[in-house]
């Protein structure tokens, strides 16, 4: 991924991207995105994708201590709707974010979660529905998730691995999102289980195209060599249809071999709503399930 009109990688507007060694040396003093102030969050603006034929901003969080050991490598979690994750000035509801960096700092600092890198990919605005849906609905359109997956796997992952010390392997690479982003992340994890071994599926839009994702689970799950570790949740205040749809999805996952507490955690959140504030409350628990500290192996 790169900015248009340049053969070199860039960050911000008109600034050169750091080389991997520069990124390591300066990991504790990245410029914050916009007015957002966190010492280990960096925003790459206007990265161009040949698959999407569009630009995307990507915001990256580094864990405490990233700059202390140049040999250590880290797992990665990629989240959708990057505007809503870190900066209150860019979030869908101004001032309300997922508080990803603050929560990750807290659970890592408490020794509950393995230190990891988290990348938030901004959505495409009016293109969000098309890019986040894996099938075409005859009324609503959509169905461009294949192009989006090409961007993630063939452009973004190599870009991030060139910039940061990341571990290889599906067991060290997660994907997640909420609503349509949750639908997309589940589909990606099933379609590309060799790449994404940890899935964070929050309040997924199971309703899309006559519950297409349920049929997809039925078709693909029996063929999986290894099932991804999967966090699935829904708030009981998101509406009866949403709740019923997600519980149907949970049932199908269990029929196909996912086991509660082992490779599946299903959370029905009391009073949980369909918004950034509600999803922010689930960040800590999902990180504890997908990246528990007991799985840390030194990353060397």
C-alpha atoms as a PDB file:
ATOM      1  CA  UNK A   1       0.000   0.000   0.000  1.00  0.00           C
ATOM      2  CA  UNK A   2       1.295   3.473  -0.800  1.00  0.00           C
ATOM      3  CA  UNK A   3       0.200   7.031  -1.385  1.00  0.00           C
ATOM      4  CA  UNK A   4      -0.517   7.951  -5.010  1.00  0.00           C
ATOM      5  CA  UNK A   5       2.221   9.565  -7.050  1.00  0.00           C
ATOM      6  CA  UNK A   6       5.042   8.020  -5.073  1.00  0.00           C
ATOM      7  CA  UNK A   7       7.223   4.963  -5.360  1.00  0.00           C
ATOM      8  CA  UNK A   8       8.130   5.171  -1.708  1.00  0.00           C
ATOM      9  CA  UNK A   9       6.005   4.444   1.322  1.00  0.00           C
ATOM     10  CA  UNK A  10       4.685   7.464   3.163  1.00  0.00           C
ATOM     11  CA  UNK A  11       3.027   8.319   6.417  1.00  0.00           C
ATOM     12  CA  UNK A  12       0.870  11.333   7.067  1.00  0.00           C
ATOM     13  CA  UNK A  13       0.640  13.671   4.117  1.00  0.00           C
ATOM     14  CA  UNK A  14       3.921  13.999   2.246  1.00  0.00           C
ATOM     15  CA  UNK A  15       6.014  12.263   4.925  1.00  0.00           C
ATOM     16  CA  UNK A  16       8.243   9.235   4.420  1.00  0.00           C
ATOM     17  CA  UNK A  17       7.291   6.051   6.214  1.00  0.00           C
ATOM     18  CA  UNK A  18       9.877   4.811   8.660  1.00  0.00           C
ATOM     19  CA  UNK A  19      11.922   1.807   7.657  1.00  0.00           C
ATOM     20  CA  UNK A  20      11.494  -1.225   9.966  1.00  0.00           C
ATOM     21  CA  UNK A  21      14.631  -0.307  11.928  1.00  0.00           C
ATOM     22  CA  UNK A  22      13.475   3.301  12.300  1.00  0.00           C
ATOM     23  CA  UNK A  23      10.057   2.118  13.439  1.00  0.00           C
ATOM     24  CA  UNK A  24      11.692   0.020  16.138  1.00  0.00           C
ATOM     25  CA  UNK A  25      13.911   2.823  17.370  1.00  0.00           C
ATOM     26  CA  UNK A  26      11.099   5.388  17.487  1.00  0.00           C
ATOM     27  CA  UNK A  27       8.318   3.197  18.774  1.00  0.00           C
ATOM     28  CA  UNK A  28       7.724   5.244  21.903  1.00  0.00           C
ATOM     29  CA  UNK A  29       7.319   8.621  20.190  1.00  0.00           C
ATOM     30  CA  UNK A  30       4.958   8.202  17.272  1.00  0.00           C
ATOM     31  CA  UNK A  31       2.938  11.262  16.288  1.00  0.00           C
ATOM     32  CA  UNK A  32      -0.704  10.860  17.367  1.00  0.00           C
ATOM     33  CA  UNK A  33      -3.547  10.940  14.823  1.00  0.00           C
ATOM     34  CA  UNK A  34      -5.102  14.397  14.694  1.00  0.00           C
ATOM     35  CA  UNK A  35      -5.676  15.771  18.167  1.00  0.00           C
ATOM     36  CA  UNK A  36      -5.582  12.333  19.789  1.00  0.00           C
ATOM     37  CA  UNK A  37      -2.696  11.953  22.213  1.00  0.00           C
ATOM     38  CA  UNK A  38      -1.279   8.489  22.893  1.00  0.00           C
ATOM     39  CA  UNK A  39       2.485   7.881  22.790  1.00  0.00           C
ATOM     40  CA  UNK A  40       2.286   4.541  20.954  1.00  0.00           C
ATOM     41  CA  UNK A  41      -0.428   5.200  18.389  1.00  0.00           C
ATOM     42  CA  UNK A  42       0.489   6.166  14.848  1.00  0.00           C
ATOM     43  CA  UNK A  43      -1.730   7.033  11.908  1.00  0.00           C
ATOM     44  CA  UNK A  44      -0.834   6.297   8.292  1.00  0.00           C
ATOM     45  CA  UNK A  45      -2.978   8.528   6.092  1.00  0.00           C
ATOM     46  CA  UNK A  46      -4.082   7.929   2.536  1.00  0.00           C
ATOM     47  CA  UNK A  47      -2.568   4.512   1.871  1.00  0.00           C
ATOM     48  CA  UNK A  48      -3.592   3.521  -1.643  1.00  0.00           C
ATOM     49  CA  UNK A  49      -4.976   0.086  -2.509  1.00  0.00           C
ATOM     50  CA  UNK A  50      -4.891  -1.175  -6.070  1.00  0.00           C
ATOM     51  CA  UNK A  51      -7.615  -3.694  -5.214  1.00  0.00           C
ATOM     52  CA  UNK A  52     -10.038  -1.128  -3.799  1.00  0.00           C
ATOM     53  CA  UNK A  53      -8.840   1.644  -6.119  1.00  0.00           C
ATOM     54  CA  UNK A  54      -9.145   3.926  -3.148  1.00  0.00           C
ATOM     55  CA  UNK A  55      -7.229   5.251  -0.174  1.00  0.00           C
ATOM     56  CA  UNK A  56      -7.525   4.136   3.434  1.00  0.00           C
ATOM     57  CA  UNK A  57      -6.182   5.503   6.701  1.00  0.00           C
ATOM     58  CA  UNK A  58      -4.656   2.904   9.026  1.00  0.00           C
ATOM     59  CA  UNK A  59      -4.031   3.593  12.712  1.00  0.00           C
ATOM     60  CA  UNK A  60      -1.582   1.356  14.572  1.00  0.00           C
ATOM     61  CA  UNK A  61      -1.282   0.766  18.314  1.00  0.00           C
ATOM     62  CA  UNK A  62       1.938  -0.644  19.772  1.00  0.00           C
ATOM     63  CA  UNK A  63       1.994  -2.302  23.200  1.00  0.00           C
ATOM     64  CA  UNK A  64       3.965  -1.069  26.213  1.00  0.00           C
ATOM     65  CA  UNK A  65       7.617  -2.024  25.921  1.00  0.00           C
ATOM     66  CA  UNK A  66       7.631  -2.435  22.146  1.00  0.00           C
ATOM     67  CA  UNK A  67      10.813  -0.375  21.872  1.00  0.00           C
ATOM     68  CA  UNK A  68      12.639  -2.188  24.684  1.00  0.00           C
ATOM     69  CA  UNK A  69      13.604  -5.408  22.914  1.00  0.00           C
ATOM     70  CA  UNK A  70      14.508  -5.277  19.236  1.00  0.00           C
ATOM     71  CA  UNK A  71      14.296  -9.068  18.907  1.00  0.00           C
ATOM     72  CA  UNK A  72      10.812  -9.586  20.278  1.00  0.00           C
ATOM     73  CA  UNK A  73       7.917 -10.124  17.862  1.00  0.00           C
ATOM     74  CA  UNK A  74       4.231  -9.624  18.514  1.00  0.00           C
ATOM     75  CA  UNK A  75       0.826 -10.961  17.468  1.00  0.00           C
ATOM     76  CA  UNK A  76      -1.447  -8.721  15.407  1.00  0.00           C
ATOM     77  CA  UNK A  77      -5.134  -7.873  15.558  1.00  0.00           C
ATOM     78  CA  UNK A  78      -6.717  -5.987  12.637  1.00  0.00           C
ATOM     79  CA  UNK A  79      -9.986  -4.208  13.372  1.00  0.00           C
ATOM     80  CA  UNK A  80     -12.498  -2.655  10.982  1.00  0.00           C
ATOM     81  CA  UNK A  81     -14.037   0.843  11.221  1.00  0.00           C
ATOM     82  CA  UNK A  82     -10.736   2.305  12.337  1.00  0.00           C
ATOM     83  CA  UNK A  83     -12.232   5.802  12.717  1.00  0.00           C
ATOM     84  CA  UNK A  84     -14.140   4.604  15.768  1.00  0.00           C
ATOM     85  CA  UNK A  85     -11.369   2.850  17.667  1.00  0.00           C
ATOM     86  CA  UNK A  86      -8.973   5.505  18.958  1.00  0.00           C
ATOM     87  CA  UNK A  87      -9.656   9.150  18.188  1.00  0.00           C
ATOM     88  CA  UNK A  88     -12.808  10.819  19.591  1.00  0.00           C
ATOM     89  CA  UNK A  89     -12.635  13.432  16.826  1.00  0.00           C
ATOM     90  CA  UNK A  90     -13.023  10.898  14.005  1.00  0.00           C
ATOM     91  CA  UNK A  91     -15.528   8.491  15.547  1.00  0.00           C
ATOM     92  CA  UNK A  92     -19.006   7.945  14.114  1.00  0.00           C
ATOM     93  CA  UNK A  93     -20.477   9.421  17.292  1.00  0.00           C
ATOM     94  CA  UNK A  94     -18.128  12.289  18.091  1.00  0.00           C
ATOM     95  CA  UNK A  95     -16.415  11.781  21.431  1.00  0.00           C
ATOM     96  CA  UNK A  96     -17.287   8.078  21.774  1.00  0.00           C
ATOM     97  CA  UNK A  97     -14.731   5.472  20.721  1.00  0.00           C
ATOM     98  CA  UNK A  98     -13.845   1.871  21.501  1.00  0.00           C
ATOM     99  CA  UNK A  99     -10.921   3.164  23.648  1.00  0.00           C
ATOM    100  CA  UNK A 100      -8.776   0.411  22.158  1.00  0.00           C
ATOM    101  CA  UNK A 101      -5.379   1.821  23.136  1.00  0.00           C
ATOM    102  CA  UNK A 102      -6.357   2.667  26.703  1.00  0.00           C
ATOM    103  CA  UNK A 103      -8.009  -0.701  27.275  1.00  0.00           C
ATOM    104  CA  UNK A 104      -5.146  -2.651  25.699  1.00  0.00           C
ATOM    105  CA  UNK A 105      -2.660  -0.759  27.876  1.00  0.00           C
ATOM    106  CA  UNK A 106      -4.678  -1.645  30.979  1.00  0.00           C
ATOM    107  CA  UNK A 107      -5.111  -5.381  30.343  1.00  0.00           C
ATOM    108  CA  UNK A 108      -1.532  -5.817  29.112  1.00  0.00           C
ATOM    109  CA  UNK A 109      -0.230  -3.874  32.095  1.00  0.00           C
ATOM    110  CA  UNK A 110      -2.268  -6.068  34.441  1.00  0.00           C
ATOM    111  CA  UNK A 111      -0.689  -9.190  32.953  1.00  0.00           C
ATOM    112  CA  UNK A 112      -4.001 -10.448  31.575  1.00  0.00           C
ATOM    113  CA  UNK A 113      -3.270 -10.107  27.870  1.00  0.00           C
ATOM    114  CA  UNK A 114      -0.213 -10.867  25.781  1.00  0.00           C
ATOM    115  CA  UNK A 115       1.341  -7.689  24.350  1.00  0.00           C
ATOM    116  CA  UNK A 116       0.099  -7.264  20.778  1.00  0.00           C
ATOM    117  CA  UNK A 117      -0.052  -4.808  17.891  1.00  0.00           C
ATOM    118  CA  UNK A 118      -3.512  -3.561  16.892  1.00  0.00           C
ATOM    119  CA  UNK A 119      -4.241  -1.977  13.506  1.00  0.00           C
ATOM    120  CA  UNK A 120      -7.487  -0.147  12.784  1.00  0.00           C
ATOM    121  CA  UNK A 121      -8.469   0.202   9.119  1.00  0.00           C
ATOM    122  CA  UNK A 122     -10.758   3.138   8.376  1.00  0.00           C
ATOM    123  CA  UNK A 123     -13.913   2.264   6.495  1.00  0.00           C
ATOM    124  CA  UNK A 124     -14.636   3.669   3.048  1.00  0.00           C
ATOM    125  CA  UNK A 125     -17.601   5.836   3.993  1.00  0.00           C
ATOM    126  CA  UNK A 126     -20.289   5.325   1.366  1.00  0.00           C
ATOM    127  CA  UNK A 127     -18.385   2.240   0.160  1.00  0.00           C
ATOM    128  CA  UNK A 128     -18.534   0.609   3.578  1.00  0.00           C
ATOM    129  CA  UNK A 129     -21.606  -1.507   2.899  1.00  0.00           C
ATOM    130  CA  UNK A 130     -20.209  -2.877  -0.361  1.00  0.00           C
ATOM    131  CA  UNK A 131     -16.748  -3.627   1.026  1.00  0.00           C
ATOM    132  CA  UNK A 132     -17.994  -5.205   4.254  1.00  0.00           C
ATOM    133  CA  UNK A 133     -20.509  -7.604   2.672  1.00  0.00           C
ATOM    134  CA  UNK A 134     -19.490 -11.003   1.264  1.00  0.00           C
ATOM    135  CA  UNK A 135     -22.510 -11.523  -0.982  1.00  0.00           C
ATOM    136  CA  UNK A 136     -24.696  -9.335  -3.163  1.00  0.00           C
ATOM    137  CA  UNK A 137     -28.209  -8.614  -1.965  1.00  0.00           C
ATOM    138  CA  UNK A 138     -30.646  -8.055  -4.818  1.00  0.00           C
ATOM    139  CA  UNK A 139     -32.134  -5.000  -3.077  1.00  0.00           C
ATOM    140  CA  UNK A 140     -29.161  -3.460  -1.267  1.00  0.00           C
ATOM    141  CA  UNK A 141     -26.263  -4.393  -3.527  1.00  0.00           C
ATOM    142  CA  UNK A 142     -22.929  -5.008  -1.847  1.00  0.00           C
ATOM    143  CA  UNK A 143     -20.735  -8.066  -2.246  1.00  0.00           C
ATOM    144  CA  UNK A 144     -17.255  -6.540  -2.596  1.00  0.00           C
ATOM    145  CA  UNK A 145     -15.728  -8.200   0.471  1.00  0.00           C
ATOM    146  CA  UNK A 146     -13.509 -10.264  -1.825  1.00  0.00           C
ATOM    147  CA  UNK A 147     -11.736  -7.121  -3.011  1.00  0.00           C
ATOM    148  CA  UNK A 148     -11.445  -5.931   0.572  1.00  0.00           C
ATOM    149  CA  UNK A 149      -9.903  -9.253   1.618  1.00  0.00           C
ATOM    150  CA  UNK A 150      -7.342  -8.916  -1.188  1.00  0.00           C
ATOM    151  CA  UNK A 151      -6.419  -5.499   0.186  1.00  0.00           C
ATOM    152  CA  UNK A 152      -5.974  -6.870   3.706  1.00  0.00           C
ATOM    153  CA  UNK A 153      -4.032 -10.003   2.834  1.00  0.00           C
ATOM    154  CA  UNK A 154      -2.019  -8.923  -0.200  1.00  0.00           C
ATOM    155  CA  UNK A 155      -1.366  -5.282   0.691  1.00  0.00           C
ATOM    156  CA  UNK A 156      -1.975  -4.387   4.330  1.00  0.00           C
ATOM    157  CA  UNK A 157      -0.446  -7.456   6.000  1.00  0.00           C
ATOM    158  CA  UNK A 158       2.824  -7.206   4.021  1.00  0.00           C
ATOM    159  CA  UNK A 159       2.915  -3.463   4.720  1.00  0.00           C
ATOM    160  CA  UNK A 160       2.488  -3.937   8.467  1.00  0.00           C
ATOM    161  CA  UNK A 161       5.046  -6.743   8.561  1.00  0.00           C
ATOM    162  CA  UNK A 162       7.552  -4.494   6.811  1.00  0.00           C
ATOM    163  CA  UNK A 163       7.000  -1.767   9.397  1.00  0.00           C
ATOM    164  CA  UNK A 164       6.682  -3.723  12.642  1.00  0.00           C
ATOM    165  CA  UNK A 165       8.045  -6.848  14.306  1.00  0.00           C
ATOM    166  CA  UNK A 166       5.103  -9.201  13.876  1.00  0.00           C
ATOM    167  CA  UNK A 167       4.878 -12.952  14.321  1.00  0.00           C
ATOM    168  CA  UNK A 168       3.914 -15.081  11.377  1.00  0.00           C
ATOM    169  CA  UNK A 169       1.110 -17.643  11.321  1.00  0.00           C
ATOM    170  CA  UNK A 170      -2.651 -17.674  11.678  1.00  0.00           C
ATOM    171  CA  UNK A 171      -2.335 -18.421  15.398  1.00  0.00           C
ATOM    172  CA  UNK A 172      -0.734 -14.970  15.796  1.00  0.00           C
ATOM    173  CA  UNK A 173      -3.040 -13.006  13.484  1.00  0.00           C
ATOM    174  CA  UNK A 174      -6.551 -11.850  14.340  1.00  0.00           C
ATOM    175  CA  UNK A 175      -9.331  -9.977  12.542  1.00  0.00           C
ATOM    176  CA  UNK A 176     -12.348  -8.285  14.081  1.00  0.00           C
ATOM    177  CA  UNK A 177     -15.143  -5.777  13.849  1.00  0.00           C
ATOM    178  CA  UNK A 178     -18.694  -4.939  14.797  1.00  0.00           C
ATOM    179  CA  UNK A 179     -22.019  -4.935  12.958  1.00  0.00           C
ATOM    180  CA  UNK A 180     -21.205  -5.257   9.230  1.00  0.00           C
ATOM    181  CA  UNK A 181     -17.573  -5.296  10.323  1.00  0.00           C
ATOM    182  CA  UNK A 182     -18.361  -8.330  12.470  1.00  0.00           C
ATOM    183  CA  UNK A 183     -20.057 -10.047   9.532  1.00  0.00           C
ATOM    184  CA  UNK A 184     -17.016  -9.297   7.370  1.00  0.00           C
ATOM    185  CA  UNK A 185     -14.553 -10.527   9.988  1.00  0.00           C
ATOM    186  CA  UNK A 186     -16.318 -13.844  10.470  1.00  0.00           C
ATOM    187  CA  UNK A 187     -16.488 -14.396   6.718  1.00  0.00           C
ATOM    188  CA  UNK A 188     -12.799 -13.499   6.343  1.00  0.00           C
ATOM    189  CA  UNK A 189     -11.808 -15.837   9.145  1.00  0.00           C
ATOM    190  CA  UNK A 190     -13.670 -18.746   7.592  1.00  0.00           C
ATOM    191  CA  UNK A 191     -12.550 -18.006   4.024  1.00  0.00           C
ATOM    192  CA  UNK A 192      -8.928 -17.400   5.017  1.00  0.00           C
ATOM    193  CA  UNK A 193      -8.453 -19.575   8.096  1.00  0.00           C
ATOM    194  CA  UNK A 194      -4.862 -20.125   7.004  1.00  0.00           C
ATOM    195  CA  UNK A 195      -4.263 -16.394   7.580  1.00  0.00           C
ATOM    196  CA  UNK A 196      -6.582 -15.393  10.441  1.00  0.00           C
ATOM    197  CA  UNK A 197      -6.703 -17.718  13.430  1.00  0.00           C
ATOM    198  CA  UNK A 198      -8.415 -15.400  15.922  1.00  0.00           C
ATOM    199  CA  UNK A 199     -11.754 -13.700  15.245  1.00  0.00           C
ATOM    200  CA  UNK A 200     -13.474 -10.902  17.179  1.00  0.00           C
ATOM    201  CA  UNK A 201     -17.093 -10.860  15.993  1.00  0.00           C
ATOM    202  CA  UNK A 202     -19.117  -8.189  17.798  1.00  0.00           C
ATOM    203  CA  UNK A 203     -22.845  -7.725  17.150  1.00  0.00           C
ATOM    204  CA  UNK A 204     -22.540  -9.168  13.629  1.00  0.00           C
ATOM    205  CA  UNK A 205     -25.062  -8.300  10.930  1.00  0.00           C
ATOM    206  CA  UNK A 206     -26.282 -11.877  10.535  1.00  0.00           C
ATOM    207  CA  UNK A 207     -29.388 -10.529   8.793  1.00  0.00           C
ATOM    208  CA  UNK A 208     -27.452  -9.586   5.650  1.00  0.00           C
ATOM    209  CA  UNK A 209     -28.834 -11.182   2.464  1.00  0.00           C
ATOM    210  CA  UNK A 210     -31.227 -13.631   4.125  1.00  0.00           C
ATOM    211  CA  UNK A 211     -28.662 -14.738   6.727  1.00  0.00           C
ATOM    212  CA  UNK A 212     -26.075 -15.605   4.098  1.00  0.00           C
ATOM    213  CA  UNK A 213     -23.363 -16.005   6.743  1.00  0.00           C
ATOM    214  CA  UNK A 214     -25.235 -18.886   8.408  1.00  0.00           C
ATOM    215  CA  UNK A 215     -25.315 -20.784   5.116  1.00  0.00           C
ATOM    216  CA  UNK A 216     -21.652 -19.955   4.601  1.00  0.00           C
ATOM    217  CA  UNK A 217     -20.790 -21.443   7.998  1.00  0.00           C
ATOM    218  CA  UNK A 218     -22.699 -24.591   7.068  1.00  0.00           C
ATOM    219  CA  UNK A 219     -20.836 -24.863   3.757  1.00  0.00           C
ATOM    220  CA  UNK A 220     -17.292 -24.001   4.847  1.00  0.00           C
ATOM    221  CA  UNK A 221     -16.931 -25.149   8.450  1.00  0.00           C
ATOM    222  CA  UNK A 222     -16.841 -28.899   7.674  1.00  0.00           C
ATOM    223  CA  UNK A 223     -13.868 -28.323   5.355  1.00  0.00           C
ATOM    224  CA  UNK A 224     -11.728 -26.364   7.807  1.00  0.00           C
ATOM    225  CA  UNK A 225      -8.459 -28.018   8.757  1.00  0.00           C
ATOM    226  CA  UNK A 226      -8.325 -25.936  11.929  1.00  0.00           C
ATOM    227  CA  UNK A 227     -11.135 -23.800  13.325  1.00  0.00           C
ATOM    228  CA  UNK A 228     -10.264 -20.180  14.229  1.00  0.00           C
ATOM    229  CA  UNK A 229     -10.560 -19.174  17.873  1.00  0.00           C
ATOM    230  CA  UNK A 230     -13.732 -17.082  17.936  1.00  0.00           C
ATOM    231  CA  UNK A 231     -15.194 -14.394  20.182  1.00  0.00           C
ATOM    232  CA  UNK A 232     -18.896 -13.803  19.417  1.00  0.00           C
ATOM    233  CA  UNK A 233     -21.166 -11.371  21.243  1.00  0.00           C
ATOM    234  CA  UNK A 234     -24.439  -9.480  21.117  1.00  0.00           C
ATOM    235  CA  UNK A 235     -26.204  -7.128  23.492  1.00  0.00           C
ATOM    236  CA  UNK A 236     -29.657  -8.079  24.689  1.00  0.00           C
ATOM    237  CA  UNK A 237     -30.781  -4.484  24.048  1.00  0.00           C
ATOM    238  CA  UNK A 238     -29.877  -4.595  20.343  1.00  0.00           C
ATOM    239  CA  UNK A 239     -33.317  -5.821  19.349  1.00  0.00           C
ATOM    240  CA  UNK A 240     -35.039  -9.196  19.322  1.00  0.00           C
ATOM    241  CA  UNK A 241     -34.171  -9.954  15.706  1.00  0.00           C
ATOM    242  CA  UNK A 242     -30.484  -9.196  16.172  1.00  0.00           C
ATOM    243  CA  UNK A 243     -30.376 -11.303  19.315  1.00  0.00           C
ATOM    244  CA  UNK A 244     -32.164 -14.235  17.674  1.00  0.00           C
ATOM    245  CA  UNK A 245     -29.917 -14.051  14.606  1.00  0.00           C
ATOM    246  CA  UNK A 246     -26.692 -14.135  16.632  1.00  0.00           C
ATOM    247  CA  UNK A 247     -27.962 -16.978  18.791  1.00  0.00           C
ATOM    248  CA  UNK A 248     -28.773 -18.900  15.608  1.00  0.00           C
ATOM    249  CA  UNK A 249     -25.211 -18.297  14.442  1.00  0.00           C
ATOM    250  CA  UNK A 250     -23.838 -19.454  17.786  1.00  0.00           C
ATOM    251  CA  UNK A 251     -25.863 -22.669  17.541  1.00  0.00           C
ATOM    252  CA  UNK A 252     -24.570 -23.383  14.031  1.00  0.00           C
ATOM    253  CA  UNK A 253     -20.976 -22.823  15.110  1.00  0.00           C
ATOM    254  CA  UNK A 254     -21.395 -25.326  17.940  1.00  0.00           C
ATOM    255  CA  UNK A 255     -22.970 -27.867  15.609  1.00  0.00           C
ATOM    256  CA  UNK A 256     -19.862 -27.574  13.443  1.00  0.00           C
ATOM    257  CA  UNK A 257     -17.468 -28.221  16.297  1.00  0.00           C
ATOM    258  CA  UNK A 258     -16.689 -24.966  18.057  1.00  0.00           C
ATOM    259  CA  UNK A 259     -16.574 -25.560  21.809  1.00  0.00           C
ATOM    260  CA  UNK A 260     -17.536 -22.992  24.400  1.00  0.00           C
ATOM    261  CA  UNK A 261     -14.573 -21.960  26.510  1.00  0.00           C
ATOM    262  CA  UNK A 262     -12.052 -23.646  24.213  1.00  0.00           C
ATOM    263  CA  UNK A 263     -12.196 -22.143  20.730  1.00  0.00           C
ATOM    264  CA  UNK A 264     -15.472 -20.216  21.177  1.00  0.00           C
ATOM    265  CA  UNK A 265     -16.662 -17.614  23.643  1.00  0.00           C
ATOM    266  CA  UNK A 266     -20.232 -16.426  23.240  1.00  0.00           C
ATOM    267  CA  UNK A 267     -21.256 -13.401  25.274  1.00  0.00           C
ATOM    268  CA  UNK A 268     -24.837 -12.197  25.615  1.00  0.00           C
ATOM    269  CA  UNK A 269     -24.250  -8.787  27.152  1.00  0.00           C
ATOM    270  CA  UNK A 270     -26.915  -7.640  29.589  1.00  0.00           C
ATOM    271  CA  UNK A 271     -28.118  -4.189  28.554  1.00  0.00           C
ATOM    272  CA  UNK A 272     -25.676  -4.140  25.639  1.00  0.00           C
ATOM    273  CA  UNK A 273     -26.557  -1.784  22.790  1.00  0.00           C
ATOM    274  CA  UNK A 274     -25.408  -1.432  19.173  1.00  0.00           C
ATOM    275  CA  UNK A 275     -22.919   1.432  19.461  1.00  0.00           C
ATOM    276  CA  UNK A 276     -19.305   2.372  20.131  1.00  0.00           C
ATOM    277  CA  UNK A 277     -19.798   2.797  23.865  1.00  0.00           C
ATOM    278  CA  UNK A 278     -21.156  -0.724  24.209  1.00  0.00           C
ATOM    279  CA  UNK A 279     -18.425  -2.259  22.053  1.00  0.00           C
ATOM    280  CA  UNK A 280     -15.765  -0.413  24.056  1.00  0.00           C
ATOM    281  CA  UNK A 281     -16.853  -2.383  27.128  1.00  0.00           C
ATOM    282  CA  UNK A 282     -16.150  -5.653  25.286  1.00  0.00           C
ATOM    283  CA  UNK A 283     -12.610  -4.866  24.126  1.00  0.00           C
ATOM    284  CA  UNK A 284     -10.928  -5.999  27.342  1.00  0.00           C
ATOM    285  CA  UNK A 285     -12.794  -9.318  27.601  1.00  0.00           C
ATOM    286  CA  UNK A 286     -12.292 -10.200  23.936  1.00  0.00           C
ATOM    287  CA  UNK A 287      -8.566  -9.476  24.177  1.00  0.00           C
ATOM    288  CA  UNK A 288      -8.361 -11.711  27.253  1.00  0.00           C
ATOM    289  CA  UNK A 289     -10.018 -14.566  25.357  1.00  0.00           C
ATOM    290  CA  UNK A 290      -8.198 -14.219  22.042  1.00  0.00           C
ATOM    291  CA  UNK A 291      -4.746 -13.186  23.318  1.00  0.00           C
ATOM    292  CA  UNK A 292      -4.460 -14.429  26.922  1.00  0.00           C
ATOM    293  CA  UNK A 293      -1.161 -13.775  28.669  1.00  0.00           C
ATOM    294  CA  UNK A 294      -0.708 -17.474  29.438  1.00  0.00           C
ATOM    295  CA  UNK A 295      -0.123 -18.066  25.711  1.00  0.00           C
ATOM    296  CA  UNK A 296       2.851 -15.706  25.600  1.00  0.00           C
ATOM    297  CA  UNK A 297       5.966 -17.534  24.487  1.00  0.00           C
ATOM    298  CA  UNK A 298       8.448 -14.700  24.459  1.00  0.00           C
ATOM    299  CA  UNK A 299       7.839 -13.998  20.757  1.00  0.00           C
ATOM    300  CA  UNK A 300      11.506 -14.459  19.803  1.00  0.00           C
END
